[in-house]
Amino acid sequence: MNIYLQALLNTAMGMATVFMVLILISMIISLFVYVPKFERKLRHFSIKRKRRAPKKPAPADPNRKRPKRPILRPEIYKEPEIDNNELIAVIMAAIVASEGGAVSADKLVVRSIKRVNRRR
């Protein structure tokens, strides 16, 4: 009897914990109604701060040394040249291998190579 009572208490404690967490989550979700109001207040406050007279910047010192920055040039990506002869040889070898040697490589002719996008 003692084992059954302990198991029943463990089950009740676990269920109570789950329901308490669910109630807490639902209370947090119910507070999301106030988020747009809070955002409006923050936006209004930031607009109000921007409307204030901006401070005038200090005059630039002509004797001040400017930090040296590296000159950045955009890098142009160039695709490496593909040797079509190697590609044709690989395609022909794959065809011969898939046919099980029934077709000789001398009788195959590759006329064009086109890329096919097969995304599933």
C-alpha atoms as a PDB file:
ATOM      1  CA  MET A   1       0.000   0.000   0.000  1.00  0.00           C
ATOM      2  CA  ASN A   2       2.867   2.343   0.786  1.00  0.00           C
ATOM      3  CA  ILE A   3       4.369   1.976  -2.738  1.00  0.00           C
ATOM      4  CA  TYR A   4       1.041   2.799  -4.380  1.00  0.00           C
ATOM      5  CA  LEU A   5       0.593   5.898  -2.222  1.00  0.00           C
ATOM      6  CA  GLN A   6       4.124   7.102  -3.103  1.00  0.00           C
ATOM      7  CA  ALA A   7       3.456   6.545  -6.834  1.00  0.00           C
ATOM      8  CA  LEU A   8       0.155   8.433  -6.582  1.00  0.00           C
ATOM      9  CA  LEU A   9       1.856  11.364  -4.842  1.00  0.00           C
ATOM     10  CA  ASN A  10       4.621  11.466  -7.491  1.00  0.00           C
ATOM     11  CA  THR A  11       2.008  11.506 -10.252  1.00  0.00           C
ATOM     12  CA  ALA A  12       0.000  14.261  -8.569  1.00  0.00           C
ATOM     13  CA  MET A  13       3.132  16.335  -7.973  1.00  0.00           C
ATOM     14  CA  GLY A  14       4.189  16.011 -11.618  1.00  0.00           C
ATOM     15  CA  MET A  15       0.747  16.960 -12.919  1.00  0.00           C
ATOM     16  CA  ALA A  16       0.530  19.922 -10.544  1.00  0.00           C
ATOM     17  CA  THR A  17       3.947  21.156 -11.725  1.00  0.00           C
ATOM     18  CA  VAL A  18       2.914  20.896 -15.370  1.00  0.00           C
ATOM     19  CA  PHE A  19      -0.336  22.795 -14.784  1.00  0.00           C
ATOM     20  CA  MET A  20       1.420  25.521 -12.795  1.00  0.00           C
ATOM     21  CA  VAL A  21       3.903  26.055 -15.622  1.00  0.00           C
ATOM     22  CA  LEU A  22       1.061  26.151 -18.167  1.00  0.00           C
ATOM     23  CA  ILE A  23      -0.770  28.759 -16.083  1.00  0.00           C
ATOM     24  CA  LEU A  24       2.431  30.820 -15.841  1.00  0.00           C
ATOM     25  CA  ILE A  25       2.931  30.657 -19.616  1.00  0.00           C
ATOM     26  CA  SER A  26      -0.675  31.711 -20.258  1.00  0.00           C
ATOM     27  CA  MET A  27      -0.237  34.685 -17.911  1.00  0.00           C
ATOM     28  CA  ILE A  28       2.921  35.754 -19.756  1.00  0.00           C
ATOM     29  CA  ILE A  29       1.131  35.453 -23.099  1.00  0.00           C
ATOM     30  CA  SER A  30      -1.766  37.542 -21.795  1.00  0.00           C
ATOM     31  CA  LEU A  31       0.723  40.341 -21.053  1.00  0.00           C
ATOM     32  CA  PHE A  32       1.589  40.584 -24.763  1.00  0.00           C
ATOM     33  CA  VAL A  33      -1.436  42.877 -25.155  1.00  0.00           C
ATOM     34  CA  TYR A  34       0.559  45.655 -23.497  1.00  0.00           C
ATOM     35  CA  VAL A  35       3.628  45.359 -25.746  1.00  0.00           C
ATOM     36  CA  PRO A  36       2.361  47.694 -28.536  1.00  0.00           C
ATOM     37  CA  LYS A  37       1.436  50.348 -25.959  1.00  0.00           C
ATOM     38  CA  PHE A  38       4.913  50.140 -24.471  1.00  0.00           C
ATOM     39  CA  GLU A  39       6.505  50.402 -27.933  1.00  0.00           C
ATOM     40  CA  ARG A  40       4.428  53.505 -28.731  1.00  0.00           C
ATOM     41  CA  LYS A  41       5.579  55.167 -25.521  1.00  0.00           C
ATOM     42  CA  LEU A  42       9.210  54.374 -26.288  1.00  0.00           C
ATOM     43  CA  ARG A  43       8.879  55.666 -29.846  1.00  0.00           C
ATOM     44  CA  HIS A  44       7.184  58.852 -28.638  1.00  0.00           C
ATOM     45  CA  PHE A  45       9.947  59.329 -26.069  1.00  0.00           C
ATOM     46  CA  SER A  46      12.708  58.865 -28.664  1.00  0.00           C
ATOM     47  CA  ILE A  47      11.006  61.295 -31.099  1.00  0.00           C
ATOM     48  CA  LYS A  48      10.732  63.837 -28.289  1.00  0.00           C
ATOM     49  CA  ARG A  49      14.464  63.504 -27.595  1.00  0.00           C
ATOM     50  CA  LYS A  50      15.316  64.003 -31.260  1.00  0.00           C
ATOM     51  CA  ARG A  51      13.264  67.198 -31.437  1.00  0.00           C
ATOM     52  CA  ARG A  52      15.458  68.840 -28.841  1.00  0.00           C
ATOM     53  CA  ALA A  53      18.073  71.189 -30.199  1.00  0.00           C
ATOM     54  CA  PRO A  54      21.034  69.122 -31.371  1.00  0.00           C
ATOM     55  CA  LYS A  55      24.409  70.007 -29.977  1.00  0.00           C
ATOM     56  CA  LYS A  56      26.721  71.728 -32.408  1.00  0.00           C
ATOM     57  CA  PRO A  57      29.808  69.682 -33.190  1.00  0.00           C
ATOM     58  CA  ALA A  58      33.176  71.064 -32.183  1.00  0.00           C
ATOM     59  CA  PRO A  59      35.137  72.685 -35.010  1.00  0.00           C
ATOM     60  CA  ALA A  60      37.566  70.328 -36.717  1.00  0.00           C
ATOM     61  CA  ASP A  61      41.215  70.736 -35.812  1.00  0.00           C
ATOM     62  CA  PRO A  62      43.217  71.065 -39.049  1.00  0.00           C
ATOM     63  CA  ASN A  63      46.426  69.883 -37.311  1.00  0.00           C
ATOM     64  CA  ARG A  64      44.890  66.623 -36.159  1.00  0.00           C
ATOM     65  CA  LYS A  65      46.302  63.550 -37.869  1.00  0.00           C
ATOM     66  CA  ARG A  66      43.838  61.314 -39.539  1.00  0.00           C
ATOM     67  CA  PRO A  67      44.241  57.587 -39.001  1.00  0.00           C
ATOM     68  CA  LYS A  68      45.528  55.732 -42.014  1.00  0.00           C
ATOM     69  CA  ARG A  69      42.999  53.352 -43.398  1.00  0.00           C
ATOM     70  CA  PRO A  70      43.746  50.715 -45.971  1.00  0.00           C
ATOM     71  CA  ILE A  71      42.282  51.306 -49.383  1.00  0.00           C
ATOM     72  CA  LEU A  72      39.616  48.706 -49.897  1.00  0.00           C
ATOM     73  CA  ARG A  73      39.072  47.508 -53.398  1.00  0.00           C
ATOM     74  CA  PRO A  74      36.258  45.161 -54.256  1.00  0.00           C
ATOM     75  CA  GLU A  75      37.398  41.702 -55.180  1.00  0.00           C
ATOM     76  CA  ILE A  76      35.946  40.268 -58.326  1.00  0.00           C
ATOM     77  CA  TYR A  77      35.259  36.568 -58.168  1.00  0.00           C
ATOM     78  CA  LYS A  78      36.277  34.707 -61.271  1.00  0.00           C
ATOM     79  CA  GLU A  79      35.078  31.195 -61.809  1.00  0.00           C
ATOM     80  CA  PRO A  80      37.909  28.807 -62.545  1.00  0.00           C
ATOM     81  CA  GLU A  81      38.136  27.596 -66.103  1.00  0.00           C
ATOM     82  CA  ILE A  82      36.721  24.109 -66.475  1.00  0.00           C
ATOM     83  CA  ASP A  83      38.404  21.757 -68.860  1.00  0.00           C
ATOM     84  CA  ASN A  84      35.500  20.304 -70.836  1.00  0.00           C
ATOM     85  CA  ASN A  85      37.575  17.369 -72.058  1.00  0.00           C
ATOM     86  CA  GLU A  86      37.935  16.049 -68.526  1.00  0.00           C
ATOM     87  CA  LEU A  87      34.235  16.558 -67.893  1.00  0.00           C
ATOM     88  CA  ILE A  88      33.290  14.728 -71.068  1.00  0.00           C
ATOM     89  CA  ALA A  89      35.596  11.847 -70.147  1.00  0.00           C
ATOM     90  CA  VAL A  90      34.003  11.564 -66.707  1.00  0.00           C
ATOM     91  CA  ILE A  91      30.471  11.621 -68.169  1.00  0.00           C
ATOM     92  CA  MET A  92      31.333   8.946 -70.715  1.00  0.00           C
ATOM     93  CA  ALA A  93      32.959   6.768 -68.053  1.00  0.00           C
ATOM     94  CA  ALA A  94      29.848   7.090 -65.873  1.00  0.00           C
ATOM     95  CA  ILE A  95      27.590   6.077 -68.770  1.00  0.00           C
ATOM     96  CA  VAL A  96      29.736   3.062 -69.614  1.00  0.00           C
ATOM     97  CA  ALA A  97      29.839   2.017 -65.951  1.00  0.00           C
ATOM     98  CA  SER A  98      26.077   2.370 -65.538  1.00  0.00           C
ATOM     99  CA  GLU A  99      25.435   0.284 -68.653  1.00  0.00           C
ATOM    100  CA  GLY A 100      27.664  -2.460 -67.300  1.00  0.00           C
ATOM    101  CA  GLY A 101      30.053  -2.325 -70.229  1.00  0.00           C
ATOM    102  CA  ALA A 102      27.321  -3.124 -72.799  1.00  0.00           C
ATOM    103  CA  VAL A 103      28.143   0.075 -74.701  1.00  0.00           C
ATOM    104  CA  SER A 104      31.675   0.730 -75.867  1.00  0.00           C
ATOM    105  CA  ALA A 105      33.137   4.151 -75.201  1.00  0.00           C
ATOM    106  CA  ASP A 106      34.032   4.521 -78.902  1.00  0.00           C
ATOM    107  CA  LYS A 107      30.353   4.697 -79.906  1.00  0.00           C
ATOM    108  CA  LEU A 108      29.403   7.463 -77.447  1.00  0.00           C
ATOM    109  CA  VAL A 109      29.298  11.110 -78.532  1.00  0.00           C
ATOM    110  CA  VAL A 110      28.742  14.018 -76.130  1.00  0.00           C
ATOM    111  CA  ARG A 111      27.125  16.863 -78.056  1.00  0.00           C
ATOM    112  CA  SER A 112      26.297  19.317 -75.268  1.00  0.00           C
ATOM    113  CA  ILE A 113      26.624  19.694 -71.519  1.00  0.00           C
ATOM    114  CA  LYS A 114      23.795  21.404 -69.632  1.00  0.00           C
ATOM    115  CA  ARG A 115      23.373  21.764 -65.890  1.00  0.00           C
ATOM    116  CA  VAL A 116      20.070  20.476 -64.497  1.00  0.00           C
ATOM    117  CA  ASN A 117      18.841  21.650 -61.076  1.00  0.00           C
ATOM    118  CA  ARG A 118      17.181  18.756 -59.311  1.00  0.00           C
ATOM    119  CA  ARG A 119      16.078  19.845 -55.873  1.00  0.00           C
ATOM    120  CA  ARG A 120      13.500  17.795 -54.116  1.00  0.00           C
END
